[in-house]
């Protein structure tokens, strides 16, 4: 396999493996928030705020993986 082929495989692995953790984390965040809203509907506003804050922080991990993947693919790293 050539150097370019290995570089593209590394980029694909970086973005692929970088999407697993945030995907699971987003599922856990929304599952917990929906269960909490079902048990305590009065706290929906606060829970929704924290849910979206957690979503944004977890999604940032995927964006970092995407940036690293692009850096590998375009021979910057």
Protein backbone atom coordinates (compact mmCIF):
# COMPACT_ATOMS: atom_id res chain seq x y z
CA UNK A 1 0.00 0.00 0.00
CA UNK A 2 1.38 3.39 -0.89
CA UNK A 3 2.01 6.28 1.43
CA UNK A 4 -1.08 8.06 0.08
CA UNK A 5 -3.26 5.01 0.66
CA UNK A 6 -2.07 4.65 4.25
CA UNK A 7 -2.68 8.35 4.82
CA UNK A 8 -6.28 8.05 3.62
CA UNK A 9 -6.88 4.95 5.75
CA UNK A 10 -5.52 6.84 8.78
CA UNK A 11 -7.81 9.79 8.02
CA UNK A 12 -10.81 7.49 7.70
CA UNK A 13 -9.97 5.76 10.98
CA UNK A 14 -9.51 9.09 12.75
CA UNK A 15 -12.94 10.38 11.78
CA UNK A 16 -14.63 6.98 12.14
CA UNK A 17 -13.32 6.22 15.60
CA UNK A 18 -13.77 9.85 16.58
CA UNK A 19 -17.49 9.56 15.85
CA UNK A 20 -18.14 6.53 18.06
CA UNK A 21 -17.64 8.22 21.44
CA UNK A 22 -19.67 11.35 20.70
CA UNK A 23 -22.42 9.23 19.15
CA UNK A 24 -22.77 7.18 22.32
CA UNK A 25 -22.44 10.28 24.48
CA UNK A 26 -25.22 12.11 22.65
CA UNK A 27 -27.47 9.09 23.05
CA UNK A 28 -26.80 8.97 26.78
CA UNK A 29 -27.39 12.71 27.17
CA UNK A 30 -30.73 12.73 25.38
CA UNK A 31 -31.88 9.50 27.02
CA UNK A 32 -31.13 10.84 30.49
CA UNK A 33 -32.73 14.19 29.76
CA UNK A 34 -35.91 12.64 28.39
CA UNK A 35 -36.21 10.29 31.38
CA UNK A 36 -35.69 13.20 33.78
CA UNK A 37 -38.28 15.33 31.96
CA UNK A 38 -40.74 12.46 32.14
CA UNK A 39 -40.26 12.12 35.88
CA UNK A 40 -40.16 15.84 36.68
CA UNK A 41 -41.92 17.94 34.01
CA UNK A 42 -41.49 21.16 36.03
CA UNK A 43 -37.72 21.06 35.49
CA UNK A 44 -37.99 20.81 31.70
CA UNK A 45 -36.54 24.26 30.99
CA UNK A 46 -33.42 23.72 33.10
CA UNK A 47 -32.95 20.19 31.80
CA UNK A 48 -33.27 21.33 28.21
CA UNK A 49 -30.63 24.01 28.74
CA UNK A 50 -28.16 21.53 30.22
CA UNK A 51 -29.05 18.94 27.57
CA UNK A 52 -28.13 21.27 24.71
CA UNK A 53 -25.01 22.46 26.52
CA UNK A 54 -23.90 18.85 26.93
CA UNK A 55 -24.75 18.13 23.30
CA UNK A 56 -22.58 21.03 22.12
CA UNK A 57 -19.62 19.95 24.25
CA UNK A 58 -19.84 16.34 23.10
CA UNK A 59 -20.23 17.36 19.46
CA UNK A 60 -17.04 19.41 19.80
CA UNK A 61 -15.14 16.13 20.26
CA UNK A 62 -16.31 14.95 16.85
CA UNK A 63 -15.33 18.25 15.28
CA UNK A 64 -11.82 17.84 16.71
CA UNK A 65 -11.64 14.33 15.21
CA UNK A 66 -12.80 15.71 11.86
CA UNK A 67 -10.13 18.42 11.92
CA UNK A 68 -7.41 15.88 12.75
CA UNK A 69 -8.66 13.67 9.93
CA UNK A 70 -8.49 16.55 7.45
CA UNK A 71 -5.01 17.45 8.67
CA UNK A 72 -3.89 13.87 8.04
CA UNK A 73 -5.60 13.63 4.65
CA UNK A 74 -4.09 16.86 3.30
CA UNK A 75 -0.55 16.11 4.55
CA UNK A 76 -0.46 18.89 7.10
CA UNK A 77 0.41 16.52 9.96
